[in-house]
Amino acid sequence: MATFISTIKFTQQGIKGIDESTKRAAALKSAAKKLGVKITNIFWTLGEYDGLLILDAPDDETAMTVLLHLAALGNVHTTTVRAFTAAEMDKIVAKVHV
């Protein structure tokens, strides 16, 4: 499974329905699970971003499906990066000087 980290910013619609935010997060976890994606953490944050989403997906396409599902709801904008564990990074770095 690949790990993805998304920063989240609320849209105006998301702010107007802020009282439903934790319910929307639970619904996202459920929808993601049906697609084979595990959302490992959802955080609400202070500062430049309103939240952080950490998910594990079998591939980029499946991660993209979940993120597009989230975007289509209209409550948040996301920026997503692929994250690598130390073990994954060791494998990558081992190939650098081939």
N, C-alpha and C. Protein backbone atom coordinates (compact mmCIF):
# COMPACT_ATOMS: atom_id res chain seq x y z
N MET A 1 0.84 -1.19 0.00
CA MET A 1 0.00 0.00 0.00
C MET A 1 0.89 1.25 0.00
N ALA A 2 0.47 2.22 -0.77
CA ALA A 2 1.16 3.50 -0.82
C ALA A 2 0.48 4.47 0.14
N THR A 3 1.28 5.34 0.75
CA THR A 3 0.76 6.33 1.69
C THR A 3 0.69 7.69 1.01
N PHE A 4 -0.42 8.38 1.24
CA PHE A 4 -0.64 9.72 0.70
C PHE A 4 -1.02 10.65 1.84
N ILE A 5 -0.53 11.88 1.77
CA ILE A 5 -0.86 12.89 2.77
C ILE A 5 -1.48 14.07 2.04
N SER A 6 -2.66 14.47 2.48
CA SER A 6 -3.37 15.60 1.86
C SER A 6 -3.57 16.71 2.88
N THR A 7 -3.22 17.92 2.48
CA THR A 7 -3.62 19.08 3.27
C THR A 7 -5.01 19.47 2.81
N ILE A 8 -5.78 20.00 3.75
CA ILE A 8 -7.19 20.32 3.48
C ILE A 8 -7.45 21.78 3.82
N LYS A 9 -8.19 22.44 2.93
CA LYS A 9 -8.70 23.78 3.20
C LYS A 9 -10.21 23.75 2.97
N PHE A 10 -10.96 24.28 3.91
CA PHE A 10 -12.41 24.33 3.76
C PHE A 10 -12.80 25.31 2.66
N THR A 11 -13.82 24.96 1.91
CA THR A 11 -14.46 25.89 0.98
C THR A 11 -15.49 26.68 1.78
N GLN A 12 -16.11 27.66 1.14
CA GLN A 12 -17.18 28.40 1.81
C GLN A 12 -18.30 27.44 2.22
N GLN A 13 -18.62 26.49 1.34
CA GLN A 13 -19.65 25.49 1.64
C GLN A 13 -19.25 24.67 2.86
N GLY A 14 -17.98 24.28 2.93
CA GLY A 14 -17.50 23.50 4.06
C GLY A 14 -17.57 24.26 5.37
N ILE A 15 -17.27 25.54 5.31
CA ILE A 15 -17.34 26.39 6.52
C ILE A 15 -18.79 26.54 6.96
N LYS A 16 -19.69 26.74 6.01
CA LYS A 16 -21.11 26.90 6.36
C LYS A 16 -21.65 25.66 7.05
N GLY A 17 -21.14 24.49 6.66
CA GLY A 17 -21.58 23.24 7.27
C GLY A 17 -20.56 22.65 8.23
N ILE A 18 -19.80 23.51 8.90
CA ILE A 18 -18.70 23.06 9.75
C ILE A 18 -19.17 22.13 10.86
N ASP A 19 -20.40 22.29 11.31
CA ASP A 19 -20.90 21.43 12.39
C ASP A 19 -21.06 19.98 11.94
N GLU A 20 -21.02 19.74 10.63
CA GLU A 20 -21.13 18.39 10.08
C GLU A 20 -19.75 17.80 9.73
N SER A 21 -18.69 18.52 10.04
CA SER A 21 -17.35 18.15 9.59
C SER A 21 -16.92 16.75 10.04
N THR A 22 -17.15 16.40 11.29
CA THR A 22 -16.73 15.08 11.76
C THR A 22 -17.61 13.98 11.17
N LYS A 23 -18.87 14.29 10.90
CA LYS A 23 -19.75 13.31 10.25
C LYS A 23 -19.31 13.09 8.80
N ARG A 24 -18.91 14.17 8.12
CA ARG A 24 -18.42 14.04 6.75
C ARG A 24 -17.14 13.22 6.73
N ALA A 25 -16.29 13.40 7.73
CA ALA A 25 -15.04 12.63 7.81
C ALA A 25 -15.34 11.14 7.98
N ALA A 26 -16.30 10.81 8.82
CA ALA A 26 -16.68 9.41 9.02
C ALA A 26 -17.24 8.81 7.73
N ALA A 27 -18.04 9.59 7.01
CA ALA A 27 -18.61 9.12 5.74
C ALA A 27 -17.50 8.91 4.71
N LEU A 28 -16.49 9.77 4.71
CA LEU A 28 -15.37 9.60 3.79
C LEU A 28 -14.61 8.32 4.10
N LYS A 29 -14.38 8.05 5.37
CA LYS A 29 -13.70 6.81 5.76
C LYS A 29 -14.45 5.59 5.25
N SER A 30 -15.75 5.63 5.38
CA SER A 30 -16.59 4.51 4.93
C SER A 30 -16.53 4.35 3.41
N ALA A 31 -16.63 5.44 2.68
CA ALA A 31 -16.57 5.39 1.22
C ALA A 31 -15.20 4.91 0.75
N ALA A 32 -14.15 5.38 1.40
CA ALA A 32 -12.80 4.98 1.03
C ALA A 32 -12.59 3.49 1.26
N LYS A 33 -13.11 2.98 2.36
CA LYS A 33 -12.96 1.56 2.69
C LYS A 33 -13.57 0.69 1.58
N LYS A 34 -14.71 1.11 1.03
CA LYS A 34 -15.35 0.37 -0.04
C LYS A 34 -14.48 0.30 -1.29
N LEU A 35 -13.57 1.26 -1.44
CA LEU A 35 -12.67 1.31 -2.59
C LEU A 35 -11.33 0.65 -2.29
N GLY A 36 -11.16 0.12 -1.09
CA GLY A 36 -9.91 -0.52 -0.72
C GLY A 36 -8.87 0.43 -0.17
N VAL A 37 -9.30 1.59 0.26
CA VAL A 37 -8.41 2.61 0.81
C VAL A 37 -8.63 2.71 2.32
N LYS A 38 -7.54 2.77 3.07
CA LYS A 38 -7.63 2.94 4.51
C LYS A 38 -7.21 4.36 4.86
N ILE A 39 -8.13 5.10 5.44
CA ILE A 39 -7.79 6.42 5.94
C ILE A 39 -7.27 6.21 7.35
N THR A 40 -5.97 6.44 7.54
CA THR A 40 -5.34 6.14 8.82
C THR A 40 -5.55 7.25 9.84
N ASN A 41 -5.64 8.49 9.37
CA ASN A 41 -5.87 9.61 10.28
C ASN A 41 -6.50 10.78 9.55
N ILE A 42 -7.33 11.49 10.26
CA ILE A 42 -7.86 12.77 9.83
C ILE A 42 -7.65 13.72 11.00
N PHE A 43 -6.98 14.83 10.72
CA PHE A 43 -6.74 15.84 11.75
C PHE A 43 -7.34 17.17 11.32
N TRP A 44 -7.87 17.91 12.26
CA TRP A 44 -8.27 19.28 12.05
C TRP A 44 -7.14 20.11 12.63
N THR A 45 -6.69 21.13 11.91
CA THR A 45 -5.48 21.84 12.31
C THR A 45 -5.67 23.35 12.37
N LEU A 46 -4.76 23.99 13.08
CA LEU A 46 -4.66 25.44 13.12
C LEU A 46 -3.62 25.87 12.10
N GLY A 47 -3.70 27.10 11.64
CA GLY A 47 -2.67 27.61 10.75
C GLY A 47 -3.15 27.70 9.32
N GLU A 48 -2.20 27.54 8.39
CA GLU A 48 -2.48 27.73 6.97
C GLU A 48 -3.51 26.74 6.43
N TYR A 49 -3.52 25.54 6.97
CA TYR A 49 -4.46 24.51 6.51
C TYR A 49 -5.46 24.19 7.60
N ASP A 50 -6.63 23.75 7.17
CA ASP A 50 -7.70 23.43 8.12
C ASP A 50 -7.67 21.97 8.56
N GLY A 51 -6.94 21.15 7.83
CA GLY A 51 -6.89 19.74 8.19
C GLY A 51 -5.81 18.99 7.44
N LEU A 52 -5.67 17.75 7.85
CA LEU A 52 -4.69 16.84 7.26
C LEU A 52 -5.34 15.47 7.16
N LEU A 53 -5.17 14.84 6.01
CA LEU A 53 -5.74 13.52 5.74
C LEU A 53 -4.60 12.59 5.37
N ILE A 54 -4.50 11.46 6.06
CA ILE A 54 -3.47 10.47 5.76
C ILE A 54 -4.18 9.19 5.36
N LEU A 55 -3.83 8.69 4.16
CA LEU A 55 -4.50 7.49 3.67
C LEU A 55 -3.52 6.53 3.01
N ASP A 56 -3.87 5.27 3.05
CA ASP A 56 -3.11 4.21 2.40
C ASP A 56 -3.97 3.63 1.29
N ALA A 57 -3.42 3.60 0.09
CA ALA A 57 -4.15 3.10 -1.08
C ALA A 57 -3.29 2.11 -1.84
N PRO A 58 -3.92 1.18 -2.55
CA PRO A 58 -3.14 0.18 -3.29
C PRO A 58 -2.36 0.77 -4.46
N ASP A 59 -2.81 1.92 -4.99
CA ASP A 59 -2.11 2.54 -6.12
C ASP A 59 -2.57 3.99 -6.26
N ASP A 60 -1.89 4.72 -7.14
CA ASP A 60 -2.20 6.13 -7.35
C ASP A 60 -3.63 6.34 -7.84
N GLU A 61 -4.07 5.47 -8.73
CA GLU A 61 -5.40 5.63 -9.31
C GLU A 61 -6.50 5.51 -8.25
N THR A 62 -6.35 4.58 -7.34
CA THR A 62 -7.35 4.39 -6.29
C THR A 62 -7.33 5.57 -5.33
N ALA A 63 -6.15 6.06 -4.99
CA ALA A 63 -6.05 7.25 -4.14
C ALA A 63 -6.74 8.43 -4.82
N MET A 64 -6.49 8.59 -6.11
CA MET A 64 -7.09 9.68 -6.86
C MET A 64 -8.62 9.57 -6.87
N THR A 65 -9.14 8.36 -6.96
CA THR A 65 -10.59 8.16 -6.93
C THR A 65 -11.18 8.68 -5.63
N VAL A 66 -10.56 8.34 -4.51
CA VAL A 66 -11.05 8.81 -3.21
C VAL A 66 -10.96 10.33 -3.11
N LEU A 67 -9.85 10.89 -3.56
CA LEU A 67 -9.68 12.34 -3.47
C LEU A 67 -10.63 13.09 -4.39
N LEU A 68 -10.92 12.53 -5.57
CA LEU A 68 -11.91 13.15 -6.45
C LEU A 68 -13.31 13.05 -5.86
N HIS A 69 -13.61 11.91 -5.21
CA HIS A 69 -14.89 11.76 -4.51
C HIS A 69 -15.03 12.87 -3.46
N LEU A 70 -13.97 13.07 -2.69
CA LEU A 70 -13.97 14.11 -1.66
C LEU A 70 -14.16 15.49 -2.28
N ALA A 71 -13.42 15.78 -3.33
CA ALA A 71 -13.51 17.09 -3.99
C ALA A 71 -14.91 17.35 -4.55
N ALA A 72 -15.52 16.31 -5.10
CA ALA A 72 -16.85 16.46 -5.71
C ALA A 72 -17.92 16.84 -4.70
N LEU A 73 -17.68 16.56 -3.44
CA LEU A 73 -18.65 16.94 -2.41
C LEU A 73 -18.68 18.45 -2.17
N GLY A 74 -17.59 19.12 -2.52
CA GLY A 74 -17.56 20.58 -2.48
C GLY A 74 -17.22 21.24 -1.16
N ASN A 75 -16.83 20.47 -0.16
CA ASN A 75 -16.58 21.04 1.15
C ASN A 75 -15.13 21.41 1.41
N VAL A 76 -14.21 20.82 0.66
CA VAL A 76 -12.79 21.08 0.88
C VAL A 76 -12.02 21.09 -0.44
N HIS A 77 -10.87 21.74 -0.39
CA HIS A 77 -9.87 21.65 -1.44
C HIS A 77 -8.70 20.89 -0.82
N THR A 78 -8.03 20.06 -1.60
CA THR A 78 -6.90 19.30 -1.07
C THR A 78 -5.66 19.50 -1.94
N THR A 79 -4.53 19.31 -1.30
CA THR A 79 -3.24 19.21 -1.98
C THR A 79 -2.60 17.94 -1.46
N THR A 80 -2.21 17.05 -2.35
CA THR A 80 -1.79 15.71 -1.94
C THR A 80 -0.37 15.41 -2.39
N VAL A 81 0.36 14.73 -1.52
CA VAL A 81 1.70 14.24 -1.83
C VAL A 81 1.78 12.76 -1.52
N ARG A 82 2.68 12.08 -2.20
CA ARG A 82 2.96 10.66 -1.92
C ARG A 82 4.04 10.63 -0.87
N ALA A 83 3.86 9.84 0.16
CA ALA A 83 4.83 9.74 1.26
C ALA A 83 5.52 8.38 1.22
N PHE A 84 6.77 8.34 1.67
CA PHE A 84 7.55 7.11 1.67
C PHE A 84 8.08 6.83 3.06
N THR A 85 8.02 5.58 3.49
CA THR A 85 8.59 5.16 4.77
C THR A 85 10.10 5.08 4.63
N ALA A 86 10.79 4.89 5.75
CA ALA A 86 12.24 4.73 5.72
C ALA A 86 12.63 3.50 4.89
N ALA A 87 11.91 2.41 5.04
CA ALA A 87 12.21 1.19 4.28
C ALA A 87 12.03 1.42 2.78
N GLU A 88 10.97 2.12 2.39
CA GLU A 88 10.74 2.43 0.98
C GLU A 88 11.85 3.34 0.46
N MET A 89 12.24 4.30 1.27
CA MET A 89 13.28 5.24 0.87
C MET A 89 14.63 4.53 0.70
N ASP A 90 14.93 3.57 1.57
CA ASP A 90 16.17 2.79 1.44
C ASP A 90 16.23 2.10 0.09
N LYS A 91 15.10 1.52 -0.35
CA LYS A 91 15.05 0.84 -1.65
C LYS A 91 15.27 1.84 -2.80
N ILE A 92 14.68 3.00 -2.66
CA ILE A 92 14.82 4.03 -3.69
C ILE A 92 16.26 4.53 -3.77
N VAL A 93 16.84 4.85 -2.62
CA VAL A 93 18.19 5.38 -2.57
C VAL A 93 19.20 4.36 -3.07
N ALA A 94 18.94 3.09 -2.84
CA ALA A 94 19.86 2.04 -3.29
C ALA A 94 20.00 2.05 -4.81
N LYS A 95 19.02 2.58 -5.52
CA LYS A 95 19.05 2.61 -6.98
C LYS A 95 19.66 3.89 -7.55
N VAL A 96 19.94 4.84 -6.70
CA VAL A 96 20.41 6.15 -7.17
C VAL A 96 21.75 6.05 -7.89
N HIS A 97 22.69 5.29 -7.36
CA HIS A 97 24.04 5.24 -7.91
C HIS A 97 24.29 3.97 -8.71
N VAL A 98 23.35 3.61 -9.55
CA VAL A 98 23.48 2.40 -10.36
C VAL A 98 24.41 2.64 -11.52
